[in-house]
Amino acid sequence: MINIKKKLNSYIDEKNQIVCITCYDASFSKILDDLSIDIVLVGDSLGMVIKGETNTHNVTIEDILYHTSCVAKNKNNFILMADLPINSYKDPEIAYTNSKKLLDKKADIVKIEYKDNHAEIVKTLISKNIPVCAHIGLLPQYASSIQDIRIYGKDRDERDKLLQQAHSLEKLGANMILLECVNSELSKDITNSVKIPVIGIGSGEFCNGQVQVLYDLIGVSNNPPKFSKDFLKENGSIKKALKDFYNYVKSIKH
């Protein structure tokens, strides 16, 4: 079994940017595996891009389990990360039960949208050898209005809170942090102040890696975020588009 902590930390040691792309089926996971994508995320973004809903709020653990099993069919080289969807980690025991199910489907690490009251959940998962990626900044599972879809960490109070969360998560033993829509300068500060990998989506280029939704990268999302880029426009095939994104991320220098 892959040593997730050692593997993830090696990216920092080697100054090698982490490429993470979402995926929901076996066909695309084969392409991503062949392209040597570092992390493949079975995200609850499937609520929008697969189920056609307006948010992630109705995605269930059964949805994630099913799509994780599909993606795992062609898992040879990448780290497989799976979301814990809303209502699947109400307390440490439920979080562990559902995380164990995901690992049984060959996920290597689970991702949780982290609030301060989730500290005990992260601590419990780590104590039970469940690798954890903690997602902070914009939390789509808890977004209730359009006002929640914004850049986080611009004012001092929010900046201090996100820095504190990152430091707390490192102490709790989280294996990785994901920043979504976090101010780029704050992303830089967080990345430089912790010793675990920090990957970002819509959070600038100062992180240890980048995450993007697969369908945004190939221009088939109905409402792609402003920070995403359609790499298919400049390439003749999906494979070339995804390889172009891979090369772009790997070329980022700090």
Protein backbone atom coordinates (compact mmCIF):
# COMPACT_ATOMS: atom_id res chain seq x y z
CA MET A 1 0.00 0.00 0.00
CA ILE A 2 1.26 3.47 -0.89
CA ASN A 3 2.64 5.59 1.97
CA ILE A 4 0.51 8.69 1.37
CA LYS A 5 2.36 10.96 3.80
CA LYS A 6 5.74 10.09 2.31
CA LYS A 7 4.47 10.37 -1.26
CA LEU A 8 2.81 13.75 -0.73
CA ASN A 9 5.74 15.23 1.17
CA SER A 10 8.08 14.13 -1.63
CA TYR A 11 6.47 16.74 -3.89
CA ILE A 12 7.56 19.47 -1.49
CA ASP A 13 11.04 18.01 -1.05
CA GLU A 14 11.55 17.79 -4.81
CA LYS A 15 9.84 21.16 -5.51
CA ASN A 16 7.53 19.23 -7.83
CA GLN A 17 4.12 20.85 -8.35
CA ILE A 18 1.15 18.57 -7.70
CA VAL A 19 -1.39 18.13 -10.50
CA CYS A 20 -4.88 17.19 -9.35
CA ILE A 21 -7.88 16.71 -11.64
CA THR A 22 -11.38 15.53 -10.76
CA CYS A 23 -12.73 12.37 -12.36
CA TYR A 24 -15.90 10.33 -12.09
CA ASP A 25 -15.60 7.32 -14.44
CA ALA A 26 -13.29 4.59 -15.69
CA SER A 27 -12.78 5.97 -19.20
CA PHE A 28 -11.37 9.28 -18.03
CA SER A 29 -9.41 7.68 -15.20
CA LYS A 30 -7.54 5.62 -17.81
CA ILE A 31 -6.59 8.82 -19.64
CA LEU A 32 -5.49 10.52 -16.42
CA ASP A 33 -3.47 7.49 -15.35
CA ASP A 34 -1.72 7.33 -18.73
CA LEU A 35 -0.88 11.05 -18.43
CA SER A 36 0.72 10.51 -15.00
CA ILE A 37 -1.66 12.90 -13.21
CA ASP A 38 -0.55 12.97 -9.58
CA ILE A 39 -3.91 13.02 -7.80
CA VAL A 40 -7.33 12.12 -9.17
CA LEU A 41 -10.22 13.46 -7.10
CA VAL A 42 -13.66 11.91 -7.07
CA GLY A 43 -15.26 15.18 -6.06
CA ASP A 44 -18.77 16.01 -4.99
CA SER A 45 -18.64 18.40 -7.94
CA LEU A 46 -20.31 15.42 -9.62
CA GLY A 47 -23.51 16.94 -8.25
CA MET A 48 -23.24 19.61 -10.92
CA VAL A 49 -21.31 18.00 -13.77
CA ILE A 50 -22.82 14.50 -13.58
CA LYS A 51 -26.20 14.89 -11.88
CA GLY A 52 -27.03 18.30 -13.37
CA GLU A 53 -27.78 20.03 -10.08
CA THR A 54 -26.90 23.58 -9.09
CA ASN A 55 -24.68 22.66 -6.12
CA THR A 56 -23.15 19.75 -4.20
CA HIS A 57 -25.76 19.64 -1.45
CA ASN A 58 -27.58 16.50 -2.58
CA VAL A 59 -24.54 14.34 -3.27
CA THR A 60 -24.56 11.24 -1.06
CA ILE A 61 -21.87 8.90 0.16
CA GLU A 62 -23.41 6.25 -2.10
CA ASP A 63 -22.79 8.54 -5.10
CA ILE A 64 -19.14 8.99 -4.13
CA LEU A 65 -18.67 5.27 -3.43
CA TYR A 66 -20.07 4.35 -6.84
CA HIS A 67 -17.93 6.81 -8.77
CA THR A 68 -14.84 5.97 -6.71
CA SER A 69 -15.24 2.31 -7.64
CA CYS A 70 -15.49 3.33 -11.32
CA VAL A 71 -12.39 5.53 -11.22
CA ALA A 72 -10.42 2.90 -9.31
CA LYS A 73 -10.79 0.46 -12.20
CA ASN A 74 -7.87 2.15 -13.97
CA LYS A 75 -5.88 3.28 -10.94
CA ASN A 76 -2.24 2.32 -11.42
CA ASN A 77 -0.12 5.41 -10.87
CA PHE A 78 -2.21 8.21 -9.38
CA ILE A 79 -3.21 8.89 -5.80
CA LEU A 80 -6.99 8.48 -5.56
CA MET A 81 -8.71 11.05 -3.36
CA ALA A 82 -12.43 10.92 -2.59
CA ASP A 83 -14.72 13.54 -1.11
CA LEU A 84 -16.71 13.02 2.04
CA PRO A 85 -19.96 14.66 0.88
CA ILE A 86 -22.20 16.72 3.10
CA ASN A 87 -23.93 14.72 5.88
CA SER A 88 -21.39 11.89 5.60
CA TYR A 89 -19.21 13.07 8.52
CA LYS A 90 -21.66 14.31 11.13
CA ASP A 91 -19.52 12.93 13.93
CA PRO A 92 -16.19 11.06 14.21
CA GLU A 93 -17.78 7.61 14.13
CA ILE A 94 -19.85 8.28 11.01
CA ALA A 95 -16.86 9.94 9.36
CA TYR A 96 -14.68 6.91 10.07
CA THR A 97 -17.30 4.43 8.83
CA ASN A 98 -17.74 6.27 5.54
CA SER A 99 -14.02 6.92 5.10
CA LYS A 100 -13.31 3.22 5.59
CA LYS A 101 -15.87 2.43 2.89
CA LEU A 102 -14.04 4.78 0.51
CA LEU A 103 -10.68 3.19 1.27
CA ASP A 104 -12.27 -0.21 0.65
CA LYS A 105 -13.10 1.11 -2.84
CA LYS A 106 -9.35 1.85 -3.27
CA ALA A 107 -9.34 5.52 -2.34
CA ASP A 108 -6.00 6.50 -0.81
CA ILE A 109 -7.10 9.68 0.98
CA VAL A 110 -10.39 11.35 1.87
CA LYS A 111 -11.19 15.06 1.63
CA ILE A 112 -13.32 16.90 4.15
CA GLU A 113 -14.64 20.46 3.98
CA TYR A 114 -13.26 21.68 7.27
CA LYS A 115 -14.87 23.88 9.90
CA ASP A 116 -13.45 24.49 13.36
CA ASN A 117 -15.93 22.05 14.91
CA HIS A 118 -14.50 19.26 12.74
CA ALA A 119 -11.18 19.07 14.60
CA GLU A 120 -12.16 15.93 16.49
CA ILE A 121 -13.24 14.28 13.24
CA VAL A 122 -9.87 14.92 11.59
CA LYS A 123 -8.05 13.79 14.74
CA THR A 124 -10.06 10.57 14.86
CA LEU A 125 -9.54 9.74 11.19
CA ILE A 126 -5.79 10.30 11.43
CA SER A 127 -5.60 8.18 14.61
CA LYS A 128 -7.30 5.37 12.69
CA ASN A 129 -4.85 5.61 9.76
CA ILE A 130 -7.25 7.35 7.39
CA PRO A 131 -5.25 9.94 5.37
CA VAL A 132 -7.03 13.31 5.26
CA CYS A 133 -7.00 16.32 2.96
CA ALA A 134 -8.68 19.27 4.68
CA HIS A 135 -10.51 21.73 2.41
CA ILE A 136 -10.69 25.35 3.64
CA GLY A 137 -11.66 28.73 2.20
CA LEU A 138 -14.79 28.51 0.07
CA LEU A 139 -16.76 25.48 1.26
CA PRO A 140 -19.31 24.57 -1.43
CA GLN A 141 -21.14 22.13 0.84
CA TYR A 142 -22.01 25.00 3.19
CA ALA A 143 -22.57 27.74 0.62
CA SER A 144 -26.17 28.92 0.98
CA SER A 145 -26.21 31.99 -1.25
CA ILE A 146 -24.35 33.63 -4.13
CA GLN A 147 -22.62 35.85 -1.56
CA ASP A 148 -20.75 32.80 -0.27
CA ILE A 149 -19.10 32.32 -3.68
CA ARG A 150 -16.21 34.77 -3.36
CA ILE A 151 -12.52 35.15 -2.57
CA TYR A 152 -11.72 34.40 1.08
CA GLY A 153 -9.02 35.91 3.26
CA LYS A 154 -9.03 39.48 2.03
CA ASP A 155 -9.72 41.08 5.42
CA ARG A 156 -7.53 40.60 8.46
CA ASP A 157 -9.98 38.60 10.58
CA GLU A 158 -10.66 36.09 7.83
CA ARG A 159 -6.98 35.92 6.95
CA ASP A 160 -6.06 35.16 10.57
CA LYS A 161 -8.79 32.53 10.82
CA LEU A 162 -7.64 30.67 7.71
CA LEU A 163 -4.00 30.79 8.84
CA GLN A 164 -5.05 29.44 12.23
CA GLN A 165 -7.06 26.65 10.60
CA ALA A 166 -4.08 25.64 8.44
CA HIS A 167 -1.74 25.52 11.43
CA SER A 168 -4.29 23.59 13.49
CA LEU A 169 -4.79 21.08 10.70
CA GLU A 170 -1.06 20.47 10.46
CA LYS A 171 -0.93 19.83 14.22
CA LEU A 172 -3.93 17.49 13.97
CA GLY A 173 -2.00 15.41 11.44
CA ALA A 174 -3.80 16.29 8.22
CA ASN A 175 -1.82 15.03 5.23
CA MET A 176 -2.70 17.88 2.89
CA ILE A 177 -4.67 21.13 2.71
CA LEU A 178 -6.81 22.28 -0.21
CA LEU A 179 -7.51 26.00 -0.56
CA GLU A 180 -10.52 27.05 -2.61
CA CYS A 181 -10.94 30.69 -3.68
CA VAL A 182 -8.43 31.95 -1.13
CA ASN A 183 -6.63 35.27 -1.65
CA SER A 184 -3.40 34.51 -3.50
CA GLU A 185 -1.12 36.30 -1.03
CA LEU A 186 -2.73 34.45 1.84
CA SER A 187 -2.35 31.18 -0.10
CA LYS A 188 1.35 31.96 -0.34
CA ASP A 189 1.58 32.65 3.40
CA ILE A 190 -0.25 29.42 4.26
CA THR A 191 1.89 27.37 1.89
CA ASN A 192 5.10 28.83 3.31
CA SER A 193 4.05 28.44 6.95
CA VAL A 194 3.13 24.73 7.00
CA LYS A 195 5.19 21.67 6.16
CA ILE A 196 2.41 19.66 4.54
CA PRO A 197 1.39 20.08 0.88
CA VAL A 198 -1.07 22.84 0.04
CA ILE A 199 -2.96 22.61 -3.24
CA GLY A 200 -5.30 25.25 -4.55
CA ILE A 201 -8.25 25.88 -6.82
CA GLY A 202 -8.89 29.51 -7.70
CA SER A 203 -6.26 30.48 -5.13
CA GLY A 204 -3.32 31.65 -7.22
CA GLU A 205 -0.08 29.95 -8.20
CA PHE A 206 1.79 30.06 -4.88
CA CYS A 207 0.52 26.68 -3.62
CA ASN A 208 2.32 23.34 -3.94
CA GLY A 209 -0.11 22.30 -6.66
CA GLN A 210 -3.30 23.01 -8.56
CA VAL A 211 -6.73 21.37 -8.68
CA GLN A 212 -9.24 21.71 -11.49
CA VAL A 213 -12.55 20.12 -12.42
CA LEU A 214 -12.08 17.85 -15.43
CA TYR A 215 -15.09 19.19 -17.32
CA ASP A 216 -13.92 22.79 -16.86
CA LEU A 217 -10.57 21.89 -18.42
CA ILE A 218 -12.20 20.52 -21.56
CA GLY A 219 -14.89 23.19 -21.87
CA VAL A 220 -18.03 21.15 -21.30
CA SER A 221 -19.18 22.60 -17.96
CA ASN A 222 -22.35 24.67 -18.08
CA ASN A 223 -21.13 27.33 -15.65
CA PRO A 224 -17.33 27.16 -15.31
CA PRO A 225 -15.76 29.43 -12.68
CA LYS A 226 -13.94 32.56 -13.83
CA PHE A 227 -10.56 31.17 -12.77
CA SER A 228 -10.83 28.04 -14.94
CA LYS A 229 -9.45 27.72 -18.46
CA ASP A 230 -10.70 25.64 -21.37
CA PHE A 231 -7.51 23.85 -22.47
CA LEU A 232 -9.34 22.02 -25.26
CA LYS A 233 -9.66 25.22 -27.30
CA GLU A 234 -5.94 25.29 -28.02
CA ASN A 235 -5.48 21.55 -28.54
CA GLY A 236 -6.72 18.96 -30.98
CA SER A 237 -7.81 16.37 -28.44
CA ILE A 238 -8.84 15.82 -24.85
CA LYS A 239 -5.59 14.01 -24.11
CA LYS A 240 -3.53 16.92 -25.44
CA ALA A 241 -5.65 19.41 -23.47
CA LEU A 242 -5.13 17.56 -20.20
CA LYS A 243 -1.43 17.12 -20.94
CA ASP A 244 -1.22 20.85 -21.55
CA PHE A 245 -2.75 21.51 -18.12
CA TYR A 246 -0.30 19.02 -16.59
CA ASN A 247 2.66 20.79 -18.22
CA TYR A 248 1.34 24.19 -17.15
CA VAL A 249 1.14 23.18 -13.49
CA LYS A 250 4.51 21.45 -13.51
CA SER A 251 6.11 24.57 -15.01
CA ILE A 252 5.03 26.85 -12.12
CA LYS A 253 8.08 28.10 -10.24
CA HIS A 254 8.12 29.90 -6.89
